[in-house]
Amino acid sequence: MFHEMTIKNKPDDEPIGFTVEGILGMAGGKSAVAKACGLTIQTVAKWKRRIPTQHVRTIAIMAGLPIEIVRPDMVRAKRYE
């Protein structure tokens, strides 16, 4: 039996949230992040669960967020200095 699938479009004013995808969006998108970090867009697109340690500071600045939001685990372990 065939079931029709509906794709829900996200409204422009819906909050992005603090997922990796949301943080990348706040930082200007995958393309801007890739360029700032010297990476390919494909590499950035693979970041599903967390932003790599070596790029956290750059992305936090781009997104206008504190490191505590971008990678809370790093702050607890004091690995951001």
Protein backbone atom coordinates (compact mmCIF):
# COMPACT_ATOMS: atom_id res chain seq x y z
CA MET A 1 0.00 0.00 0.00
CA PHE A 2 1.31 3.45 -0.93
CA HIS A 3 1.34 6.19 1.68
CA GLU A 4 1.79 9.79 0.70
CA MET A 5 4.74 11.46 2.41
CA THR A 6 4.52 15.10 3.42
CA ILE A 7 7.60 17.26 3.70
CA LYS A 8 7.26 19.89 6.38
CA ASN A 9 8.90 23.18 5.48
CA LYS A 10 10.48 25.03 8.36
CA PRO A 11 9.29 28.63 8.76
CA ASP A 12 11.99 31.30 8.47
CA ASP A 13 11.33 32.60 11.98
CA GLU A 14 11.63 29.20 13.68
CA PRO A 15 14.61 29.11 16.08
CA ILE A 16 17.63 27.21 14.82
CA GLY A 17 18.59 25.74 18.19
CA PHE A 18 22.01 24.64 19.35
CA THR A 19 22.46 21.51 17.30
CA VAL A 20 25.57 21.24 15.12
CA GLU A 21 23.38 22.10 12.14
CA GLY A 22 21.97 25.11 13.98
CA ILE A 23 25.38 26.38 15.06
CA LEU A 24 26.70 26.04 11.51
CA GLY A 25 23.67 27.99 10.29
CA MET A 26 24.30 30.73 12.83
CA ALA A 27 27.95 30.84 11.70
CA GLY A 28 26.92 31.59 8.12
CA GLY A 29 26.37 28.11 6.75
CA LYS A 30 28.53 25.14 5.84
CA SER A 31 30.21 26.96 2.97
CA ALA A 32 31.31 29.92 5.12
CA VAL A 33 32.51 27.61 7.90
CA ALA A 34 34.43 25.44 5.44
CA LYS A 35 36.15 28.48 3.96
CA ALA A 36 37.04 29.94 7.38
CA CYS A 37 38.43 26.60 8.58
CA GLY A 38 40.27 25.76 5.36
CA LEU A 39 38.12 22.68 4.74
CA THR A 40 35.80 21.39 2.04
CA ILE A 41 32.04 21.71 2.39
CA GLN A 42 31.83 17.91 2.32
CA THR A 43 34.05 17.68 5.41
CA VAL A 44 31.90 20.18 7.30
CA ALA A 45 28.74 18.36 6.20
CA LYS A 46 30.01 15.21 7.96
CA TRP A 47 29.90 16.95 11.34
CA LYS A 48 26.69 15.46 12.69
CA ARG A 49 27.22 15.09 16.45
CA ARG A 50 29.93 17.61 17.38
CA ILE A 51 32.25 20.23 15.97
CA PRO A 52 35.91 19.12 15.98
CA THR A 53 38.01 20.59 18.78
CA GLN A 54 40.43 22.40 16.48
CA HIS A 55 37.61 24.42 14.86
CA VAL A 56 35.49 25.29 17.90
CA ARG A 57 36.96 28.74 18.57
CA THR A 58 36.59 29.87 14.93
CA ILE A 59 33.01 28.66 14.68
CA ALA A 60 32.04 30.08 18.08
CA ILE A 61 33.28 33.52 16.96
CA MET A 62 31.50 33.22 13.60
CA ALA A 63 28.24 32.18 15.27
CA GLY A 64 28.51 34.79 18.02
CA LEU A 65 28.21 32.08 20.65
CA PRO A 66 30.35 31.24 23.67
CA ILE A 67 32.44 28.08 23.52
CA GLU A 68 30.29 26.74 26.35
CA ILE A 69 27.38 26.49 23.92
CA VAL A 70 29.32 25.17 20.94
CA ARG A 71 31.14 22.41 22.86
CA PRO A 72 30.11 22.23 26.53
CA ASP A 73 32.16 19.05 26.98
CA MET A 74 35.37 20.95 26.17
CA VAL A 75 34.66 23.56 28.82
CA ARG A 76 34.05 20.92 31.46
CA ALA A 77 37.36 19.28 30.50
CA LYS A 78 39.09 22.70 30.07
CA ARG A 79 40.38 21.78 26.61
CA TYR A 80 39.66 25.13 24.93
CA GLU A 81 42.68 27.17 26.06
